[in-house]
Amino acid sequence: MEELTNQITEINGVLDIFWILVAGIFVFFMQAGFTLVEAGFTRSKNTINIVMKNLMDLCIGSLGFWAIGYTIMYGDSIGKFIGSPSLFYNTPGDMHNLFFQTVFCATAATIVSGAVAERTKFSTYIIFSLIITTIIYPISGHWVWQGDGWLTELGFIDFAGSTVVHSVGGWAGLVAAALIGPRIGKYTGGKSNAILGHNMMYGALGVFILWLGWFGFNPGSELAISGGSANNVANIVITTNLAAAGGAVTALFLTWAKYGKPDLSMTLNGALAGLVGITAGCAAVSPGGAAIIGILSGFLVVLSIEFIDKKLKIDDPVGAISVHGVVGAFGTLLVGVFATDGGLFYGGGFKQLGVQAIGVFSIGAWAIVTTFIVLFILKKTIGLRVPEQDEIKGLDITEHGMNAYND
């Protein structure tokens, strides 16, 4: 009997590792989705530059996170603030976790790419990509996911990274877009001018790929699939899907009412907003709660994109700041409202909501301040932005010496 128990335990362990690897592969594929969304929502003359940025986020993130970022995030806690760093992580039996967390790290970095598209120096971008993947993201991630971080001890809930991943990337994108400034021609006479993307089919395909990848992102964060975890994974798949659908449908009808026509780009961002919004609470809320979070996220993202563009005059070509930063924070707060264990609507009072607010604002402040320091230094040394003539001609030719489309 003992031997049978040991065999079952071993099989369950293999299943869990296999699930984490498969989920990580799904998240890896999200890089293709981000690339397509960003390329489709921007002009054709910058396509190669966008591909290169997203590719380098994955490559630099993989190397940097393995070299030191993983241990800064998951090493033994120093003062509940940072992990004990060591170089070139190589712990047998933990390589599946290294891979899974690496692709999450790359996601945080690539969010910034969309917010600064079409006018940023490639050399500056890859330096920042290295810093966010090895220092900025791992330190705030340690507070929540290592197990001994100070936000973990407070009871902060961010199951799969609405704040840890998405808001960090979104707030970094906000600072970067503000410091770099808008694209030429975006604002004239105090008015925001639409700069249309060149291929909405790319954008739509990218969102479908991201939606698919999220079935690794959220359910994979269970970090197991054996035993009772199988049902947990299935429930997370449902909450993730319902939130995405709710966000898309809400954005569709809201833009239909506002503009007289259902807007594709906003509807696509509505789906992404629903996905980002549910990521923190995907394991803590009911299917009904997930649908409501998605609906609220779809509503918020439309208003946020317009506010950042028309009121703040910050040029975000793909809506990354709103989708990931604003909705990521919002979705994390809503865990304190809709969590079936301790949420405001389930008799838990305001305690969990207060803890969620502390986490959201602490990590937001960390991302904003550190990004500003890094980019301010880069701006004063090597510069953030390409010359005006390079921007007009297109970054594909001026930064990479080739065209994406050859007649």
Protein backbone atom coordinates (compact mmCIF):
# COMPACT_ATOMS: atom_id res chain seq x y z
CA MET A 1 0.00 0.00 0.00
CA GLU A 2 2.84 2.35 0.84
CA GLU A 3 4.47 1.59 -2.49
CA LEU A 4 1.25 2.44 -4.33
CA THR A 5 0.98 5.70 -2.43
CA ASN A 6 4.55 6.58 -3.37
CA GLN A 7 3.86 5.81 -7.03
CA ILE A 8 0.76 8.01 -7.03
CA THR A 9 2.74 10.83 -5.40
CA GLU A 10 5.44 10.49 -8.03
CA ILE A 11 2.92 10.51 -10.87
CA ASN A 12 1.23 13.59 -9.42
CA GLY A 13 4.58 15.33 -9.20
CA VAL A 14 5.30 14.57 -12.86
CA LEU A 15 1.84 15.81 -13.86
CA ASP A 16 2.35 19.04 -11.97
CA ILE A 17 5.73 19.72 -13.58
CA PHE A 18 4.34 18.89 -17.01
CA TRP A 19 1.41 21.26 -16.48
CA ILE A 20 3.67 24.10 -15.40
CA LEU A 21 5.84 23.61 -18.50
CA VAL A 22 2.85 23.46 -20.86
CA ALA A 23 1.32 26.55 -19.25
CA GLY A 24 4.67 28.32 -19.59
CA ILE A 25 4.75 27.46 -23.30
CA PHE A 26 1.30 29.05 -23.63
CA VAL A 27 2.60 32.21 -21.95
CA PHE A 28 5.70 32.13 -24.17
CA PHE A 29 3.39 32.21 -27.20
CA MET A 30 1.81 35.40 -25.83
CA GLN A 31 4.92 37.24 -27.06
CA ALA A 32 3.67 36.57 -30.59
CA GLY A 33 0.30 38.03 -29.59
CA PHE A 34 1.85 41.19 -28.17
CA THR A 35 3.95 41.58 -31.32
CA LEU A 36 0.92 41.29 -33.62
CA VAL A 37 -1.22 43.68 -31.57
CA GLU A 38 1.48 46.32 -31.43
CA ALA A 39 2.40 45.95 -35.10
CA GLY A 40 -1.22 46.00 -36.25
CA PHE A 41 -2.14 49.04 -34.17
CA THR A 42 0.79 51.09 -35.52
CA ARG A 43 2.12 52.12 -38.93
CA SER A 44 3.78 49.72 -41.36
CA LYS A 45 7.04 51.70 -41.42
CA ASN A 46 7.77 50.63 -37.83
CA THR A 47 6.87 46.92 -38.01
CA ILE A 48 10.41 45.50 -37.91
CA ASN A 49 11.29 47.73 -34.98
CA ILE A 50 8.28 46.39 -33.07
CA VAL A 51 9.19 42.79 -33.87
CA MET A 52 12.75 43.39 -32.71
CA LYS A 53 11.66 45.01 -29.43
CA ASN A 54 9.31 42.16 -28.57
CA LEU A 55 11.89 39.57 -29.56
CA MET A 56 14.54 41.23 -27.41
CA ASP A 57 12.19 41.47 -24.43
CA LEU A 58 11.96 37.68 -24.51
CA CYS A 59 15.66 37.09 -25.19
CA ILE A 60 17.07 39.68 -22.79
CA GLY A 61 14.46 38.78 -20.19
CA SER A 62 15.33 35.09 -20.45
CA LEU A 63 19.06 35.71 -20.00
CA GLY A 64 18.78 38.41 -17.36
CA PHE A 65 16.15 36.66 -15.27
CA TRP A 66 18.17 33.44 -15.30
CA ALA A 67 21.42 35.28 -14.56
CA ILE A 68 20.15 37.14 -11.48
CA GLY A 69 16.50 38.23 -11.65
CA TYR A 70 15.02 34.91 -10.53
CA THR A 71 16.97 34.82 -7.27
CA ILE A 72 16.25 38.51 -6.59
CA MET A 73 12.57 37.57 -6.85
CA TYR A 74 12.55 34.10 -5.27
CA GLY A 75 15.73 33.90 -3.20
CA ASP A 76 15.68 33.83 0.59
CA SER A 77 14.08 37.06 1.72
CA ILE A 78 16.23 39.92 2.95
CA GLY A 79 14.07 42.17 5.12
CA LYS A 80 10.92 40.97 3.31
CA PHE A 81 11.93 43.31 0.48
CA ILE A 82 14.32 41.50 -1.85
CA GLY A 83 15.56 37.98 -2.47
CA SER A 84 19.13 36.97 -1.76
CA PRO A 85 20.76 37.24 -5.19
CA SER A 86 23.00 34.64 -6.75
CA LEU A 87 24.24 34.29 -10.30
CA PHE A 88 23.19 31.86 -13.04
CA TYR A 89 20.44 29.90 -11.34
CA ASN A 90 20.89 26.15 -11.72
CA THR A 91 18.94 24.24 -9.08
CA PRO A 92 17.99 20.73 -10.21
CA GLY A 93 14.30 20.04 -9.80
CA ASP A 94 13.28 23.68 -10.13
CA MET A 95 13.90 24.39 -13.81
CA HIS A 96 10.17 24.24 -14.57
CA ASN A 97 9.56 27.12 -12.17
CA LEU A 98 12.43 29.11 -13.67
CA PHE A 99 10.90 28.77 -17.14
CA PHE A 100 7.38 29.64 -16.01
CA GLN A 101 8.50 32.73 -14.12
CA THR A 102 10.80 33.80 -16.96
CA VAL A 103 7.96 34.10 -19.45
CA PHE A 104 5.95 36.11 -16.91
CA CYS A 105 8.90 38.46 -16.52
CA ALA A 106 9.14 38.91 -20.30
CA THR A 107 5.45 39.82 -20.38
CA ALA A 108 5.97 42.70 -17.94
CA ALA A 109 8.78 44.07 -20.10
CA THR A 110 6.97 43.82 -23.43
CA ILE A 111 3.97 45.84 -22.18
CA VAL A 112 6.23 48.91 -22.22
CA SER A 113 7.00 48.39 -25.90
CA GLY A 114 3.47 49.25 -27.02
CA ALA A 115 3.28 52.45 -24.98
CA VAL A 116 6.47 53.87 -26.53
CA ALA A 117 6.03 52.54 -30.06
CA GLU A 118 7.15 54.43 -33.20
CA ARG A 119 9.56 56.96 -31.68
CA THR A 120 11.95 55.25 -29.23
CA LYS A 121 15.63 54.51 -29.77
CA PHE A 122 16.16 50.77 -30.03
CA SER A 123 19.43 50.87 -28.07
CA THR A 124 17.78 52.71 -25.19
CA TYR A 125 14.84 50.34 -25.20
CA ILE A 126 16.92 47.18 -24.84
CA ILE A 127 18.86 48.71 -21.92
CA PHE A 128 15.59 49.47 -20.14
CA SER A 129 14.30 45.98 -20.97
CA LEU A 130 17.31 44.52 -19.17
CA ILE A 131 16.76 46.70 -16.09
CA ILE A 132 13.04 46.02 -15.75
CA THR A 133 13.54 42.25 -16.07
CA THR A 134 16.47 42.00 -13.67
CA ILE A 135 15.69 44.64 -11.03
CA ILE A 136 12.35 46.47 -11.18
CA TYR A 137 10.00 43.53 -11.78
CA PRO A 138 11.79 40.95 -9.56
CA ILE A 139 11.93 43.18 -6.47
CA SER A 140 8.23 44.08 -6.38
CA GLY A 141 7.40 40.51 -7.39
CA HIS A 142 9.31 39.31 -4.33
CA TRP A 143 6.95 41.27 -2.09
CA VAL A 144 4.01 39.17 -3.29
CA TRP A 145 5.07 35.78 -4.68
CA GLN A 146 8.20 34.63 -2.87
CA GLY A 147 6.25 33.68 0.24
CA ASP A 148 7.96 35.86 2.85
CA GLY A 149 7.51 39.28 1.25
CA TRP A 150 5.90 42.09 3.19
CA LEU A 151 2.77 42.21 1.03
CA THR A 152 2.31 38.46 1.37
CA GLU A 153 2.32 38.85 5.15
CA LEU A 154 -0.35 41.55 4.90
CA GLY A 155 -2.59 39.11 3.01
CA PHE A 156 -2.38 40.79 -0.39
CA ILE A 157 -3.92 38.68 -3.18
CA ASP A 158 -2.64 38.79 -6.74
CA PHE A 159 -2.94 35.22 -7.93
CA ALA A 160 -1.51 35.55 -11.43
CA GLY A 161 -0.27 39.12 -11.73
CA SER A 162 -2.80 41.89 -12.48
CA THR A 163 -0.50 44.11 -10.44
CA VAL A 164 2.73 42.12 -10.14
CA VAL A 165 3.05 41.73 -13.92
CA HIS A 166 0.57 43.94 -15.76
CA SER A 167 0.49 47.08 -13.65
CA VAL A 168 4.26 47.11 -13.33
CA GLY A 169 4.53 47.08 -17.12
CA GLY A 170 1.66 49.54 -17.51
CA TRP A 171 3.00 52.11 -15.04
CA ALA A 172 6.49 51.80 -16.50
CA GLY A 173 4.90 52.44 -19.91
CA LEU A 174 3.12 55.52 -18.57
CA VAL A 175 6.37 57.07 -17.33
CA ALA A 176 8.21 56.12 -20.51
CA ALA A 177 5.54 57.53 -22.83
CA ALA A 178 5.40 60.77 -20.85
CA LEU A 179 9.19 61.24 -20.85
CA ILE A 180 9.63 60.36 -24.52
CA GLY A 181 6.73 62.54 -25.64
CA PRO A 182 4.09 62.01 -28.33
CA ARG A 183 4.66 60.97 -31.92
CA ILE A 184 5.03 63.74 -34.46
CA GLY A 185 1.60 64.96 -35.50
CA LYS A 186 -0.29 63.30 -32.66
CA TYR A 187 -1.30 66.57 -31.01
CA THR A 188 -1.86 69.81 -32.90
CA GLY A 189 -3.57 72.89 -31.52
CA GLY A 190 -4.42 71.05 -28.32
CA LYS A 191 -6.34 68.41 -30.26
CA SER A 192 -5.59 64.68 -30.40
CA ASN A 193 -5.24 63.32 -33.92
CA ALA A 194 -5.84 59.66 -34.67
CA ILE A 195 -2.80 57.89 -36.11
CA LEU A 196 -4.31 54.74 -37.54
CA GLY A 197 -2.75 51.32 -37.35
CA HIS A 198 -1.89 49.62 -40.62
CA ASN A 199 -3.40 46.17 -40.13
CA MET A 200 -6.31 45.46 -37.81
CA MET A 201 -6.24 41.80 -38.83
CA TYR A 202 -2.84 41.56 -37.12
CA GLY A 203 -4.33 43.27 -34.08
CA ALA A 204 -7.27 40.88 -33.93
CA LEU A 205 -5.09 37.79 -34.43
CA GLY A 206 -2.78 39.06 -31.70
CA VAL A 207 -5.68 39.39 -29.25
CA PHE A 208 -6.87 35.85 -30.04
CA ILE A 209 -3.34 34.57 -29.36
CA LEU A 210 -3.15 36.52 -26.11
CA TRP A 211 -6.55 35.21 -25.04
CA LEU A 212 -5.34 31.68 -25.73
CA GLY A 213 -2.09 32.35 -23.88
CA TRP A 214 -4.02 33.54 -20.85
CA PHE A 215 -5.26 29.96 -20.40
CA GLY A 216 -1.66 29.25 -19.46
CA PHE A 217 -1.09 32.52 -17.64
CA ASN A 218 -3.91 32.24 -15.10
CA PRO A 219 -4.60 28.50 -14.74
CA GLY A 220 -0.86 27.80 -14.85
CA SER A 221 -0.42 29.98 -11.76
CA GLU A 222 -2.11 27.21 -9.76
CA LEU A 223 1.37 25.60 -10.19
CA ALA A 224 -0.22 22.14 -10.04
CA ILE A 225 -2.91 20.09 -11.75
CA SER A 226 -2.98 16.89 -9.72
CA GLY A 227 -5.60 16.10 -7.10
CA GLY A 228 -7.86 18.98 -6.15
CA SER A 229 -5.84 21.37 -8.29
CA ALA A 230 -7.46 19.92 -11.43
CA ASN A 231 -10.81 21.41 -10.48
CA ASN A 232 -9.12 24.67 -9.46
CA VAL A 233 -7.50 24.89 -12.90
CA ALA A 234 -10.83 24.26 -14.62
CA ASN A 235 -12.53 26.95 -12.54
CA ILE A 236 -9.79 29.44 -13.39
CA VAL A 237 -10.20 28.72 -17.09
CA ILE A 238 -13.89 29.62 -16.76
CA THR A 239 -13.37 32.82 -14.76
CA THR A 240 -10.66 33.92 -17.21
CA ASN A 241 -12.82 33.29 -20.27
CA LEU A 242 -15.94 34.93 -18.84
CA ALA A 243 -14.05 38.09 -17.87
CA ALA A 244 -12.52 38.40 -21.34
CA ALA A 245 -15.91 37.97 -23.00
CA GLY A 246 -17.53 40.45 -20.63
CA GLY A 247 -14.85 43.04 -21.31
CA ALA A 248 -15.13 42.70 -25.07
CA VAL A 249 -18.92 42.89 -25.17
CA THR A 250 -18.99 45.90 -22.85
CA ALA A 251 -16.41 47.80 -24.91
CA LEU A 252 -18.34 46.95 -28.08
CA PHE A 253 -21.66 48.33 -26.85
CA LEU A 254 -20.10 51.33 -25.12
CA THR A 255 -18.25 52.42 -28.27
CA TRP A 256 -21.37 51.71 -30.35
CA ALA A 257 -23.31 54.09 -28.12
CA LYS A 258 -20.54 56.74 -28.02
CA TYR A 259 -19.42 56.73 -31.65
CA GLY A 260 -22.45 55.37 -33.49
CA LYS A 261 -20.45 52.36 -34.72
CA PRO A 262 -18.95 49.37 -32.84
CA ASP A 263 -15.20 50.05 -32.67
CA LEU A 264 -12.91 47.09 -33.36
CA SER A 265 -9.77 48.38 -31.66
CA MET A 266 -11.65 49.28 -28.48
CA THR A 267 -13.48 45.94 -28.49
CA LEU A 268 -10.17 44.10 -28.77
CA ASN A 269 -8.77 46.16 -25.92
CA GLY A 270 -11.94 45.42 -23.98
CA ALA A 271 -11.20 41.70 -24.23
CA LEU A 272 -7.62 42.31 -23.05
CA ALA A 273 -8.90 44.50 -20.23
CA GLY A 274 -11.18 41.72 -19.05
CA LEU A 275 -8.24 39.31 -19.08
CA VAL A 276 -5.99 41.70 -17.16
CA GLY A 277 -8.75 42.59 -14.72
CA ILE A 278 -9.47 38.97 -13.73
CA THR A 279 -5.83 37.90 -13.44
CA ALA A 280 -5.49 38.88 -9.77
CA GLY A 281 -8.70 37.24 -8.61
CA CYS A 282 -9.18 34.41 -11.10
CA ALA A 283 -8.88 31.80 -8.33
CA ALA A 284 -10.75 33.82 -5.70
CA VAL A 285 -14.01 34.85 -7.38
CA SER A 286 -17.08 33.04 -8.67
CA PRO A 287 -17.94 32.83 -12.38
CA GLY A 288 -20.56 35.54 -11.83
CA GLY A 289 -18.00 37.74 -10.10
CA ALA A 290 -15.58 37.17 -12.97
CA ALA A 291 -18.16 38.25 -15.53
CA ILE A 292 -18.84 41.44 -13.56
CA ILE A 293 -15.11 42.18 -13.25
CA GLY A 294 -14.80 41.75 -17.01
CA ILE A 295 -17.75 44.06 -17.68
CA LEU A 296 -16.38 46.75 -15.36
CA SER A 297 -12.90 46.39 -16.89
CA GLY A 298 -14.27 46.76 -20.42
CA PHE A 299 -16.11 49.91 -19.39
CA LEU A 300 -13.08 51.38 -17.62
CA VAL A 301 -10.59 50.73 -20.41
CA VAL A 302 -12.58 52.75 -22.95
CA LEU A 303 -12.82 55.72 -20.60
CA SER A 304 -9.18 55.42 -19.56
CA ILE A 305 -7.82 55.30 -23.12
CA GLU A 306 -9.75 58.46 -23.99
CA PHE A 307 -8.70 60.23 -20.78
CA ILE A 308 -4.99 59.48 -21.17
CA ASP A 309 -5.06 60.45 -24.84
CA LYS A 310 -7.30 63.53 -24.82
CA LYS A 311 -6.88 64.94 -21.31
CA LEU A 312 -3.38 63.95 -20.23
CA LYS A 313 -2.05 64.18 -23.81
CA ILE A 314 0.10 61.09 -23.31
CA ASP A 315 0.53 59.20 -26.57
CA ASP A 316 0.00 55.46 -26.10
CA PRO A 317 -0.40 53.94 -29.58
CA VAL A 318 -1.92 50.63 -28.44
CA GLY A 319 -3.66 51.53 -25.16
CA ALA A 320 -1.15 49.55 -23.08
CA ILE A 321 -1.18 51.96 -20.14
CA SER A 322 -4.94 51.68 -19.76
CA VAL A 323 -5.23 47.94 -20.44
CA HIS A 324 -2.36 46.87 -18.20
CA GLY A 325 -1.69 49.70 -15.76
CA VAL A 326 -5.12 51.13 -15.00
CA VAL A 327 -7.18 47.96 -15.38
CA GLY A 328 -4.49 45.86 -13.70
CA ALA A 329 -4.75 48.05 -10.60
CA PHE A 330 -8.55 48.11 -10.81
CA GLY A 331 -8.83 44.33 -11.11
CA THR A 332 -6.55 43.85 -8.13
CA LEU A 333 -8.71 46.16 -6.02
CA LEU A 334 -11.84 44.26 -7.07
CA VAL A 335 -10.49 41.10 -5.41
CA GLY A 336 -11.30 42.87 -2.16
CA VAL A 337 -14.88 43.25 -3.35
CA PHE A 338 -15.66 39.97 -5.15
CA ALA A 339 -13.47 37.36 -3.40
CA THR A 340 -15.80 34.66 -2.12
CA ASP A 341 -13.59 34.34 0.97
CA GLY A 342 -13.25 37.73 2.62
CA GLY A 343 -14.54 40.02 -0.11
CA LEU A 344 -16.72 43.02 0.68
CA PHE A 345 -19.76 41.55 -1.09
CA TYR A 346 -19.33 38.28 0.81
CA GLY A 347 -19.39 39.65 4.34
CA GLY A 348 -15.68 40.26 4.70
CA GLY A 349 -15.92 44.01 5.23
CA PHE A 350 -13.30 46.44 3.95
CA LYS A 351 -10.22 44.68 5.34
CA GLN A 352 -9.21 42.82 2.17
CA LEU A 353 -10.00 45.83 0.01
CA GLY A 354 -7.70 47.92 2.18
CA VAL A 355 -4.89 45.39 1.86
CA GLN A 356 -5.40 45.30 -1.91
CA ALA A 357 -5.16 49.09 -2.05
CA ILE A 358 -1.87 49.06 -0.13
CA GLY A 359 -0.41 46.55 -2.58
CA VAL A 360 -1.67 48.35 -5.67
CA PHE A 361 -0.33 51.73 -4.62
CA SER A 362 2.98 50.39 -3.26
CA ILE A 363 3.85 48.43 -6.39
CA GLY A 364 2.57 51.26 -8.59
CA ALA A 365 4.78 53.77 -6.81
CA TRP A 366 7.76 51.42 -7.05
CA ALA A 367 7.33 50.95 -10.79
CA ILE A 368 6.78 54.65 -11.46
CA VAL A 369 9.69 55.93 -9.37
CA THR A 370 12.26 53.36 -10.50
CA THR A 371 11.27 53.71 -14.15
CA PHE A 372 11.54 57.49 -13.93
CA ILE A 373 15.02 57.30 -12.39
CA VAL A 374 16.30 54.85 -15.00
CA LEU A 375 14.78 56.65 -17.99
CA PHE A 376 15.78 60.10 -16.76
CA ILE A 377 19.39 58.94 -16.59
CA LEU A 378 19.13 57.37 -20.05
CA LYS A 379 17.51 60.53 -21.41
CA LYS A 380 20.38 62.67 -20.15
CA THR A 381 23.06 60.29 -21.44
CA ILE A 382 22.22 58.38 -24.62
CA GLY A 383 18.73 59.80 -25.22
CA LEU A 384 15.31 58.19 -25.40
CA ARG A 385 14.00 59.32 -28.76
CA VAL A 386 15.09 58.97 -32.37
CA PRO A 387 15.75 62.14 -34.40
CA GLU A 388 12.72 63.76 -36.05
CA GLN A 389 13.75 62.79 -39.56
CA ASP A 390 14.20 59.17 -38.49
CA GLU A 391 10.74 59.07 -36.98
CA ILE A 392 9.19 60.51 -40.12
CA LYS A 393 11.01 58.06 -42.37
CA GLY A 394 10.21 55.11 -40.11
CA LEU A 395 12.24 53.12 -37.62
CA ASP A 396 12.42 50.04 -39.84
CA ILE A 397 14.78 51.81 -42.25
CA THR A 398 16.54 54.18 -39.86
CA GLU A 399 17.08 51.77 -36.94
CA HIS A 400 17.29 48.42 -38.74
CA GLY A 401 18.03 49.16 -42.40
CA MET A 402 15.18 47.18 -43.94
CA ASN A 403 11.48 47.23 -44.75
CA ALA A 404 8.87 44.81 -43.39
CA TYR A 405 6.98 44.82 -46.67
CA ASN A 406 8.78 44.69 -49.99
CA ASP A 407 6.81 45.19 -53.22
